[in-house]
Amino acid sequence: MRETGFPAPGSAAPGAPPALHRPVTEADGSTAPVTAAPATAPAGEVSAPAPNPMRLAVVLGSVALGLELSRFFRVRRSDAS
């Protein structure tokens, strides 16, 4: 395999292009055996990302904090009147 001087798509090398959304073929200059295509959603459908429990906790905590702050300022405003 000859060295081209360019990092492979999706590699961790600095300046590497993003990973391809299709399998690499011989036309790409790869001599690696072609593997099965990754499982993707049918055309027109967008698959939802996997839920992240930490992100959910942060969102719910932010909502709870916002509700508590609004209640606190509403009580202070009614006491000042």
Protein backbone atom coordinates (compact mmCIF):
# COMPACT_ATOMS: atom_id res chain seq x y z
CA MET A 1 0.00 0.00 0.00
CA ARG A 2 1.51 3.34 -0.94
CA GLU A 3 1.57 6.31 1.40
CA THR A 4 -0.31 9.39 0.11
CA GLY A 5 0.47 11.77 2.96
CA PHE A 6 -3.20 12.47 3.70
CA PRO A 7 -4.95 11.16 6.84
CA ALA A 8 -7.75 8.67 6.33
CA PRO A 9 -11.34 9.93 6.71
CA GLY A 10 -12.53 9.52 10.27
CA SER A 11 -9.02 8.89 11.68
CA ALA A 12 -7.75 10.58 14.82
CA ALA A 13 -4.90 12.29 12.91
CA PRO A 14 -4.98 16.10 12.96
CA GLY A 15 -6.64 17.56 9.86
CA ALA A 16 -8.40 14.31 8.97
CA PRO A 17 -11.70 14.74 7.11
CA PRO A 18 -14.90 13.49 8.75
CA ALA A 19 -15.83 9.83 8.49
CA LEU A 20 -17.57 8.71 5.31
CA HIS A 21 -21.27 7.89 5.41
CA ARG A 22 -20.74 4.98 3.05
CA PRO A 23 -18.40 2.01 2.91
CA VAL A 24 -14.95 2.56 1.41
CA THR A 25 -14.57 0.95 -2.03
CA GLU A 26 -11.67 0.18 -4.34
CA ALA A 27 -12.50 3.36 -6.28
CA ASP A 28 -11.48 5.29 -3.16
CA GLY A 29 -7.98 3.84 -3.46
CA SER A 30 -8.50 1.30 -0.70
CA THR A 31 -7.28 -2.27 -1.06
CA ALA A 32 -9.08 -3.31 2.13
CA PRO A 33 -11.87 -5.86 1.64
CA VAL A 34 -15.30 -4.32 1.29
CA THR A 35 -17.45 -4.88 4.37
CA ALA A 36 -21.19 -4.77 4.76
CA ALA A 37 -22.73 -1.31 4.84
CA PRO A 38 -23.62 -0.01 8.31
CA ALA A 39 -27.25 -0.30 9.34
CA THR A 40 -29.04 2.94 8.51
CA ALA A 41 -32.60 4.15 8.60
CA PRO A 42 -34.58 3.84 5.35
CA ALA A 43 -34.52 6.88 3.08
CA GLY A 44 -36.64 9.71 4.40
CA GLU A 45 -36.54 8.53 8.02
CA VAL A 46 -34.25 10.07 10.62
CA SER A 47 -33.22 7.85 13.50
CA ALA A 48 -33.36 9.45 16.93
CA PRO A 49 -30.12 9.64 18.90
CA ALA A 50 -29.77 7.42 21.93
CA PRO A 51 -31.03 9.17 25.08
CA ASN A 52 -28.30 10.48 27.34
CA PRO A 53 -29.26 10.17 31.04
CA MET A 54 -26.88 12.95 32.10
CA ARG A 55 -28.33 15.40 29.58
CA LEU A 56 -31.85 14.49 30.72
CA ALA A 57 -30.86 15.11 34.36
CA VAL A 58 -29.39 18.52 33.49
CA VAL A 59 -32.49 19.56 31.53
CA LEU A 60 -34.88 18.47 34.27
CA GLY A 61 -32.73 20.12 36.95
CA SER A 62 -32.68 23.36 34.95
CA VAL A 63 -36.46 23.32 34.59
CA ALA A 64 -36.90 22.69 38.32
CA LEU A 65 -34.47 25.50 39.17
CA GLY A 66 -36.28 27.89 36.83
CA LEU A 67 -39.65 27.07 38.40
CA GLU A 68 -38.28 27.56 41.92
CA LEU A 69 -36.69 30.90 40.97
CA SER A 70 -39.90 32.12 39.36
CA ARG A 71 -41.85 31.15 42.49
CA PHE A 72 -39.27 32.91 44.70
CA PHE A 73 -39.41 36.16 42.73
CA ARG A 74 -43.21 36.04 42.49
CA VAL A 75 -43.47 35.74 46.30
CA ARG A 76 -41.00 38.62 46.80
CA ARG A 77 -42.91 40.79 44.33
CA SER A 78 -46.23 40.16 46.11
CA ASP A 79 -44.63 40.92 49.52
CA ALA A 80 -43.28 44.27 48.26
CA SER A 81 -46.74 45.48 47.16
